[in-house]
Amino acid sequence: MKETIKTFSVAVFTAAIVMAGFSFRPAPEHNQGISYEYFQFSTIESVIPGGLGRSRILTTDNNGQLLEKDLKNFYSMVGLNFKNIANNDQSIVERINSYSADGWELMSVVTGSHAQTSEGSSSGGLFITRYLFRRAK
């Protein structure tokens, strides 16, 4: 019992020392005085059997105009189509590389999905991914 209390005490003391060491570290320097502009585009990829869905890259330009680029659907008439997925990957990476070449830095990628159900079974759905970029003004 004394050995357990001693071991526990040493562990608590060590944890306290480590936590104290990290709590007194200076805050990281932020890029003060630099302002950024942000840009986002979204991809919506359909997961509806039979290739009946619509998949797109959606971008809003500086004038508020919606720009759409078609993507392939995950499913074709015969099922999951890996070639379509590879084509979508290539289109998305090309878009990211284009923005990167224009000075945009990819800051965040957020994904979500929505499944459509019919009588307890999945009848498809969609995946949405948002890509947030920034660059110094």
N, C-alpha and C. Protein backbone atom coordinates (compact mmCIF):
# COMPACT_ATOMS: atom_id res chain seq x y z
N MET A 1 0.82 -1.19 0.00
CA MET A 1 0.00 0.00 0.00
C MET A 1 0.87 1.26 0.00
N LYS A 2 1.92 1.27 0.84
CA LYS A 2 2.81 2.43 0.89
C LYS A 2 3.52 2.61 -0.44
N GLU A 3 3.86 1.50 -1.08
CA GLU A 3 4.54 1.57 -2.38
C GLU A 3 3.61 2.17 -3.44
N THR A 4 2.35 1.83 -3.40
CA THR A 4 1.36 2.38 -4.34
C THR A 4 1.20 3.88 -4.13
N ILE A 5 1.12 4.30 -2.87
CA ILE A 5 0.99 5.73 -2.56
C ILE A 5 2.23 6.48 -3.01
N LYS A 6 3.40 5.88 -2.79
CA LYS A 6 4.66 6.51 -3.19
C LYS A 6 4.72 6.65 -4.72
N THR A 7 4.35 5.60 -5.45
CA THR A 7 4.35 5.64 -6.91
C THR A 7 3.36 6.68 -7.42
N PHE A 8 2.18 6.72 -6.82
CA PHE A 8 1.17 7.69 -7.21
C PHE A 8 1.67 9.12 -6.95
N SER A 9 2.28 9.34 -5.82
CA SER A 9 2.80 10.67 -5.46
C SER A 9 3.87 11.13 -6.45
N VAL A 10 4.77 10.23 -6.82
CA VAL A 10 5.82 10.56 -7.78
C VAL A 10 5.20 10.90 -9.14
N ALA A 11 4.20 10.14 -9.55
CA ALA A 11 3.54 10.39 -10.83
C ALA A 11 2.85 11.75 -10.83
N VAL A 12 2.14 12.08 -9.75
CA VAL A 12 1.46 13.37 -9.65
C VAL A 12 2.47 14.51 -9.65
N PHE A 13 3.55 14.37 -8.90
CA PHE A 13 4.58 15.39 -8.84
C PHE A 13 5.20 15.61 -10.22
N THR A 14 5.51 14.53 -10.92
CA THR A 14 6.10 14.62 -12.25
C THR A 14 5.13 15.31 -13.22
N ALA A 15 3.86 14.94 -13.16
CA ALA A 15 2.86 15.56 -14.03
C ALA A 15 2.75 17.05 -13.74
N ALA A 16 2.79 17.43 -12.47
CA ALA A 16 2.69 18.84 -12.10
C ALA A 16 3.88 19.63 -12.64
N ILE A 17 5.09 19.06 -12.56
CA ILE A 17 6.29 19.71 -13.07
C ILE A 17 6.18 19.91 -14.59
N VAL A 18 5.75 18.87 -15.29
CA VAL A 18 5.62 18.96 -16.75
C VAL A 18 4.57 20.00 -17.14
N MET A 19 3.42 19.98 -16.47
CA MET A 19 2.37 20.94 -16.78
C MET A 19 2.82 22.36 -16.48
N ALA A 20 3.53 22.56 -15.38
CA ALA A 20 4.02 23.90 -15.04
C ALA A 20 5.01 24.38 -16.10
N GLY A 21 5.85 23.50 -16.57
CA GLY A 21 6.82 23.87 -17.60
C GLY A 21 6.15 24.34 -18.88
N PHE A 22 5.07 23.67 -19.28
CA PHE A 22 4.38 24.07 -20.49
C PHE A 22 3.53 25.32 -20.28
N SER A 23 3.02 25.54 -19.09
CA SER A 23 2.16 26.69 -18.86
C SER A 23 2.93 28.00 -18.85
N PHE A 24 4.23 27.97 -18.62
CA PHE A 24 5.02 29.19 -18.58
C PHE A 24 5.77 29.46 -19.88
N ARG A 25 5.52 28.66 -20.90
CA ARG A 25 6.14 28.92 -22.20
C ARG A 25 5.52 30.16 -22.81
N PRO A 26 6.31 30.97 -23.50
CA PRO A 26 5.73 32.17 -24.13
C PRO A 26 4.77 31.77 -25.25
N ALA A 27 3.78 32.59 -25.45
CA ALA A 27 2.82 32.34 -26.53
C ALA A 27 3.54 32.46 -27.86
N PRO A 28 3.13 31.65 -28.85
CA PRO A 28 3.78 31.76 -30.16
C PRO A 28 3.51 33.13 -30.76
N GLU A 29 4.49 33.61 -31.51
CA GLU A 29 4.34 34.91 -32.14
C GLU A 29 3.37 34.78 -33.31
N HIS A 30 2.46 35.72 -33.39
CA HIS A 30 1.51 35.75 -34.50
C HIS A 30 1.99 36.80 -35.50
N ASN A 31 1.57 36.64 -36.69
CA ASN A 31 1.95 37.58 -37.73
C ASN A 31 1.15 38.87 -37.55
N GLN A 32 1.58 39.67 -36.60
CA GLN A 32 0.89 40.92 -36.34
C GLN A 32 1.14 41.89 -37.48
N GLY A 33 0.09 42.59 -37.83
CA GLY A 33 0.20 43.58 -38.89
C GLY A 33 -0.04 43.01 -40.28
N ILE A 34 -0.15 41.71 -40.42
CA ILE A 34 -0.43 41.11 -41.72
C ILE A 34 -1.92 40.82 -41.79
N SER A 35 -2.55 41.30 -42.83
CA SER A 35 -3.96 40.96 -43.03
C SER A 35 -4.07 40.01 -44.21
N TYR A 36 -5.08 39.19 -44.17
CA TYR A 36 -5.27 38.16 -45.18
C TYR A 36 -6.61 38.33 -45.87
N GLU A 37 -6.66 37.86 -47.08
CA GLU A 37 -7.94 37.68 -47.75
C GLU A 37 -8.17 36.18 -47.86
N TYR A 38 -9.43 35.78 -47.83
CA TYR A 38 -9.77 34.37 -47.82
C TYR A 38 -10.60 34.02 -49.05
N PHE A 39 -10.50 32.77 -49.43
CA PHE A 39 -11.19 32.28 -50.60
C PHE A 39 -11.58 30.83 -50.34
N GLN A 40 -12.74 30.43 -50.81
CA GLN A 40 -13.18 29.06 -50.57
C GLN A 40 -13.84 28.51 -51.83
N PHE A 41 -13.62 27.25 -52.09
CA PHE A 41 -14.42 26.56 -53.10
C PHE A 41 -14.89 25.25 -52.51
N SER A 42 -15.95 24.71 -53.08
CA SER A 42 -16.57 23.49 -52.56
C SER A 42 -16.69 22.45 -53.66
N THR A 43 -16.60 21.20 -53.26
CA THR A 43 -16.92 20.12 -54.19
C THR A 43 -18.11 19.36 -53.63
N ILE A 44 -19.00 19.00 -54.50
CA ILE A 44 -20.14 18.16 -54.14
C ILE A 44 -20.07 16.95 -55.05
N GLU A 45 -19.97 15.79 -54.43
CA GLU A 45 -19.83 14.55 -55.20
C GLU A 45 -21.01 13.64 -54.89
N SER A 46 -21.71 13.26 -55.93
CA SER A 46 -22.92 12.47 -55.81
C SER A 46 -22.61 10.99 -55.62
N VAL A 47 -23.38 10.38 -54.74
CA VAL A 47 -23.25 8.94 -54.50
C VAL A 47 -24.62 8.30 -54.74
N ILE A 48 -25.19 8.59 -55.89
CA ILE A 48 -26.50 8.03 -56.24
C ILE A 48 -26.29 6.91 -57.25
N PRO A 49 -26.77 5.70 -56.94
CA PRO A 49 -26.59 4.58 -57.86
C PRO A 49 -27.13 4.88 -59.25
N GLY A 50 -26.47 4.33 -60.24
CA GLY A 50 -26.90 4.50 -61.62
C GLY A 50 -26.36 5.75 -62.27
N GLY A 51 -25.54 6.51 -61.55
CA GLY A 51 -24.95 7.71 -62.14
C GLY A 51 -25.93 8.84 -62.35
N LEU A 52 -27.04 8.85 -61.61
CA LEU A 52 -28.08 9.85 -61.83
C LEU A 52 -27.83 11.16 -61.10
N GLY A 53 -26.83 11.21 -60.22
CA GLY A 53 -26.58 12.42 -59.44
C GLY A 53 -25.80 13.46 -60.22
N ARG A 54 -25.61 14.61 -59.57
CA ARG A 54 -24.82 15.70 -60.17
C ARG A 54 -23.67 16.00 -59.24
N SER A 55 -22.46 15.99 -59.78
CA SER A 55 -21.26 16.30 -59.01
C SER A 55 -20.61 17.54 -59.61
N ARG A 56 -20.15 18.45 -58.73
CA ARG A 56 -19.63 19.73 -59.21
C ARG A 56 -18.52 20.27 -58.32
N ILE A 57 -17.68 21.12 -58.90
CA ILE A 57 -16.83 22.03 -58.14
C ILE A 57 -17.53 23.38 -58.23
N LEU A 58 -17.80 23.99 -57.08
CA LEU A 58 -18.51 25.27 -57.03
C LEU A 58 -17.58 26.34 -56.50
N THR A 59 -17.49 27.44 -57.23
CA THR A 59 -16.64 28.57 -56.84
C THR A 59 -17.45 29.84 -57.05
N THR A 60 -17.31 30.78 -56.14
CA THR A 60 -17.90 32.10 -56.32
C THR A 60 -16.76 33.07 -56.58
N ASP A 61 -16.82 33.76 -57.72
CA ASP A 61 -15.73 34.69 -58.06
C ASP A 61 -15.89 36.01 -57.29
N ASN A 62 -14.97 36.94 -57.53
CA ASN A 62 -14.97 38.21 -56.81
C ASN A 62 -16.22 39.05 -57.07
N ASN A 63 -16.90 38.80 -58.17
CA ASN A 63 -18.12 39.54 -58.50
C ASN A 63 -19.37 38.86 -57.97
N GLY A 64 -19.22 37.76 -57.23
CA GLY A 64 -20.37 37.04 -56.70
C GLY A 64 -20.99 36.08 -57.69
N GLN A 65 -20.34 35.88 -58.81
CA GLN A 65 -20.84 34.98 -59.85
C GLN A 65 -20.47 33.53 -59.52
N LEU A 66 -21.45 32.64 -59.57
CA LEU A 66 -21.21 31.23 -59.29
C LEU A 66 -20.60 30.56 -60.52
N LEU A 67 -19.46 29.91 -60.32
CA LEU A 67 -18.80 29.16 -61.38
C LEU A 67 -18.90 27.68 -61.05
N GLU A 68 -19.32 26.89 -62.01
CA GLU A 68 -19.46 25.45 -61.80
C GLU A 68 -18.57 24.69 -62.77
N LYS A 69 -17.97 23.61 -62.27
CA LYS A 69 -17.24 22.69 -63.14
C LYS A 69 -17.77 21.30 -62.85
N ASP A 70 -18.14 20.59 -63.88
CA ASP A 70 -18.69 19.24 -63.70
C ASP A 70 -17.62 18.28 -63.20
N LEU A 71 -18.03 17.41 -62.30
CA LEU A 71 -17.23 16.27 -61.87
C LEU A 71 -17.99 15.02 -62.25
N LYS A 72 -17.32 13.90 -62.24
CA LYS A 72 -17.95 12.62 -62.53
C LYS A 72 -18.67 12.11 -61.27
N ASN A 73 -19.73 11.35 -61.46
CA ASN A 73 -20.43 10.74 -60.34
C ASN A 73 -19.67 9.50 -59.87
N PHE A 74 -19.76 9.21 -58.58
CA PHE A 74 -19.07 8.04 -58.03
C PHE A 74 -19.58 6.74 -58.66
N TYR A 75 -20.86 6.70 -58.96
CA TYR A 75 -21.47 5.49 -59.50
C TYR A 75 -21.80 5.66 -60.97
N SER A 76 -21.61 4.58 -61.71
CA SER A 76 -22.09 4.52 -63.09
C SER A 76 -23.24 3.50 -63.09
N MET A 77 -23.67 3.12 -64.25
CA MET A 77 -24.78 2.15 -64.33
C MET A 77 -24.40 0.78 -63.79
N VAL A 78 -23.11 0.48 -63.70
CA VAL A 78 -22.69 -0.85 -63.24
C VAL A 78 -22.16 -0.85 -61.81
N GLY A 79 -22.21 0.29 -61.12
CA GLY A 79 -21.76 0.35 -59.73
C GLY A 79 -20.69 1.40 -59.53
N LEU A 80 -19.94 1.25 -58.45
CA LEU A 80 -18.90 2.20 -58.08
C LEU A 80 -17.85 2.27 -59.19
N ASN A 81 -17.55 3.48 -59.64
CA ASN A 81 -16.65 3.67 -60.76
C ASN A 81 -15.36 4.34 -60.27
N PHE A 82 -14.31 3.54 -60.10
CA PHE A 82 -13.05 4.05 -59.58
C PHE A 82 -12.36 5.01 -60.54
N LYS A 83 -12.59 4.86 -61.83
CA LYS A 83 -12.02 5.79 -62.81
C LYS A 83 -12.63 7.18 -62.60
N ASN A 84 -13.92 7.25 -62.33
CA ASN A 84 -14.56 8.53 -62.07
C ASN A 84 -13.99 9.19 -60.82
N ILE A 85 -13.74 8.40 -59.79
CA ILE A 85 -13.17 8.93 -58.56
C ILE A 85 -11.77 9.49 -58.83
N ALA A 86 -10.97 8.75 -59.60
CA ALA A 86 -9.62 9.20 -59.95
C ALA A 86 -9.68 10.49 -60.78
N ASN A 87 -10.64 10.58 -61.71
CA ASN A 87 -10.79 11.80 -62.51
C ASN A 87 -11.16 13.00 -61.62
N ASN A 88 -12.05 12.77 -60.65
CA ASN A 88 -12.43 13.84 -59.73
C ASN A 88 -11.22 14.29 -58.90
N ASP A 89 -10.46 13.32 -58.41
CA ASP A 89 -9.27 13.65 -57.63
C ASP A 89 -8.33 14.53 -58.45
N GLN A 90 -8.13 14.17 -59.69
CA GLN A 90 -7.24 14.94 -60.56
C GLN A 90 -7.77 16.36 -60.77
N SER A 91 -9.07 16.51 -61.01
CA SER A 91 -9.66 17.83 -61.21
C SER A 91 -9.53 18.71 -59.97
N ILE A 92 -9.75 18.11 -58.79
CA ILE A 92 -9.67 18.86 -57.55
C ILE A 92 -8.23 19.29 -57.26
N VAL A 93 -7.28 18.38 -57.46
CA VAL A 93 -5.87 18.71 -57.23
C VAL A 93 -5.40 19.77 -58.23
N GLU A 94 -5.85 19.69 -59.46
CA GLU A 94 -5.51 20.74 -60.44
C GLU A 94 -6.02 22.10 -59.97
N ARG A 95 -7.22 22.14 -59.42
CA ARG A 95 -7.80 23.39 -58.93
C ARG A 95 -6.97 23.92 -57.76
N ILE A 96 -6.61 23.03 -56.83
CA ILE A 96 -5.80 23.44 -55.67
C ILE A 96 -4.44 23.95 -56.14
N ASN A 97 -3.80 23.25 -57.07
CA ASN A 97 -2.50 23.68 -57.59
C ASN A 97 -2.60 25.04 -58.29
N SER A 98 -3.69 25.28 -58.99
CA SER A 98 -3.89 26.56 -59.67
C SER A 98 -3.97 27.70 -58.66
N TYR A 99 -4.74 27.51 -57.59
CA TYR A 99 -4.84 28.56 -56.57
C TYR A 99 -3.51 28.74 -55.84
N SER A 100 -2.82 27.65 -55.60
CA SER A 100 -1.52 27.73 -54.94
C SER A 100 -0.54 28.54 -55.80
N ALA A 101 -0.55 28.31 -57.10
CA ALA A 101 0.32 29.06 -58.01
C ALA A 101 -0.02 30.55 -58.03
N ASP A 102 -1.27 30.89 -57.71
CA ASP A 102 -1.69 32.29 -57.64
C ASP A 102 -1.43 32.91 -56.26
N GLY A 103 -0.73 32.17 -55.39
CA GLY A 103 -0.36 32.72 -54.09
C GLY A 103 -1.28 32.37 -52.94
N TRP A 104 -2.29 31.54 -53.18
CA TRP A 104 -3.21 31.14 -52.12
C TRP A 104 -2.63 29.97 -51.34
N GLU A 105 -2.79 30.00 -50.03
CA GLU A 105 -2.33 28.93 -49.14
C GLU A 105 -3.55 28.16 -48.64
N LEU A 106 -3.54 26.83 -48.82
CA LEU A 106 -4.65 26.01 -48.34
C LEU A 106 -4.61 25.97 -46.82
N MET A 107 -5.65 26.48 -46.19
CA MET A 107 -5.70 26.59 -44.74
C MET A 107 -6.49 25.46 -44.08
N SER A 108 -7.57 25.04 -44.71
CA SER A 108 -8.46 24.09 -44.05
C SER A 108 -9.26 23.32 -45.09
N VAL A 109 -9.52 22.07 -44.78
CA VAL A 109 -10.39 21.23 -45.59
C VAL A 109 -11.41 20.61 -44.65
N VAL A 110 -12.69 20.83 -44.95
CA VAL A 110 -13.77 20.32 -44.11
C VAL A 110 -14.69 19.47 -44.98
N THR A 111 -15.04 18.30 -44.47
CA THR A 111 -15.90 17.40 -45.24
C THR A 111 -17.19 17.11 -44.49
N GLY A 112 -18.17 16.71 -45.24
CA GLY A 112 -19.44 16.29 -44.67
C GLY A 112 -20.16 15.40 -45.66
N SER A 113 -21.17 14.72 -45.20
CA SER A 113 -21.93 13.87 -46.09
C SER A 113 -23.39 13.85 -45.67
N HIS A 114 -24.22 13.47 -46.61
CA HIS A 114 -25.65 13.34 -46.35
C HIS A 114 -26.12 12.10 -47.09
N ALA A 115 -26.66 11.16 -46.34
CA ALA A 115 -27.16 9.93 -46.95
C ALA A 115 -28.65 10.05 -47.16
N GLN A 116 -29.09 9.62 -48.31
CA GLN A 116 -30.53 9.56 -48.60
C GLN A 116 -30.97 8.13 -48.35
N THR A 117 -32.04 7.97 -47.59
CA THR A 117 -32.54 6.62 -47.32
C THR A 117 -33.95 6.48 -47.84
N SER A 118 -34.26 5.27 -48.21
CA SER A 118 -35.59 4.95 -48.69
C SER A 118 -35.96 3.58 -48.14
N GLU A 119 -36.98 3.55 -47.32
CA GLU A 119 -37.47 2.30 -46.72
C GLU A 119 -36.34 1.57 -45.99
N GLY A 120 -35.52 2.31 -45.26
CA GLY A 120 -34.48 1.71 -44.44
C GLY A 120 -33.19 1.38 -45.13
N SER A 121 -33.11 1.53 -46.45
CA SER A 121 -31.85 1.24 -47.13
C SER A 121 -31.36 2.51 -47.82
N SER A 122 -30.07 2.57 -48.03
CA SER A 122 -29.47 3.74 -48.63
C SER A 122 -29.79 3.81 -50.11
N SER A 123 -30.24 4.97 -50.54
CA SER A 123 -30.48 5.16 -51.97
C SER A 123 -29.49 6.18 -52.53
N GLY A 124 -28.42 6.40 -51.79
CA GLY A 124 -27.40 7.32 -52.26
C GLY A 124 -27.19 8.46 -51.30
N GLY A 125 -26.61 9.51 -51.80
CA GLY A 125 -26.33 10.69 -50.99
C GLY A 125 -25.30 11.55 -51.66
N LEU A 126 -24.63 12.37 -50.85
CA LEU A 126 -23.60 13.22 -51.42
C LEU A 126 -22.52 13.48 -50.38
N PHE A 127 -21.35 13.80 -50.92
CA PHE A 127 -20.22 14.23 -50.10
C PHE A 127 -19.93 15.68 -50.48
N ILE A 128 -19.74 16.52 -49.48
CA ILE A 128 -19.36 17.90 -49.74
C ILE A 128 -18.03 18.15 -49.05
N THR A 129 -17.14 18.82 -49.74
CA THR A 129 -15.83 19.17 -49.18
C THR A 129 -15.61 20.64 -49.47
N ARG A 130 -15.18 21.37 -48.44
CA ARG A 130 -14.90 22.79 -48.58
C ARG A 130 -13.41 23.03 -48.37
N TYR A 131 -12.83 23.79 -49.27
CA TYR A 131 -11.40 24.09 -49.25
C TYR A 131 -11.25 25.58 -48.99
N LEU A 132 -10.64 25.94 -47.86
CA LEU A 132 -10.46 27.34 -47.49
C LEU A 132 -9.00 27.74 -47.70
N PHE A 133 -8.80 28.82 -48.44
CA PHE A 133 -7.47 29.34 -48.76
C PHE A 133 -7.32 30.74 -48.19
N ARG A 134 -6.08 31.17 -48.02
CA ARG A 134 -5.80 32.55 -47.65
C ARG A 134 -4.51 32.98 -48.34
N ARG A 135 -4.38 34.31 -48.48
CA ARG A 135 -3.13 34.90 -48.93
C ARG A 135 -3.03 36.30 -48.33
N ALA A 136 -1.81 36.74 -48.14
CA ALA A 136 -1.57 38.05 -47.58
C ALA A 136 -2.03 39.10 -48.59
N LYS A 137 -2.64 40.16 -48.04
CA LYS A 137 -3.09 41.26 -48.90
C LYS A 137 -1.92 42.11 -49.33
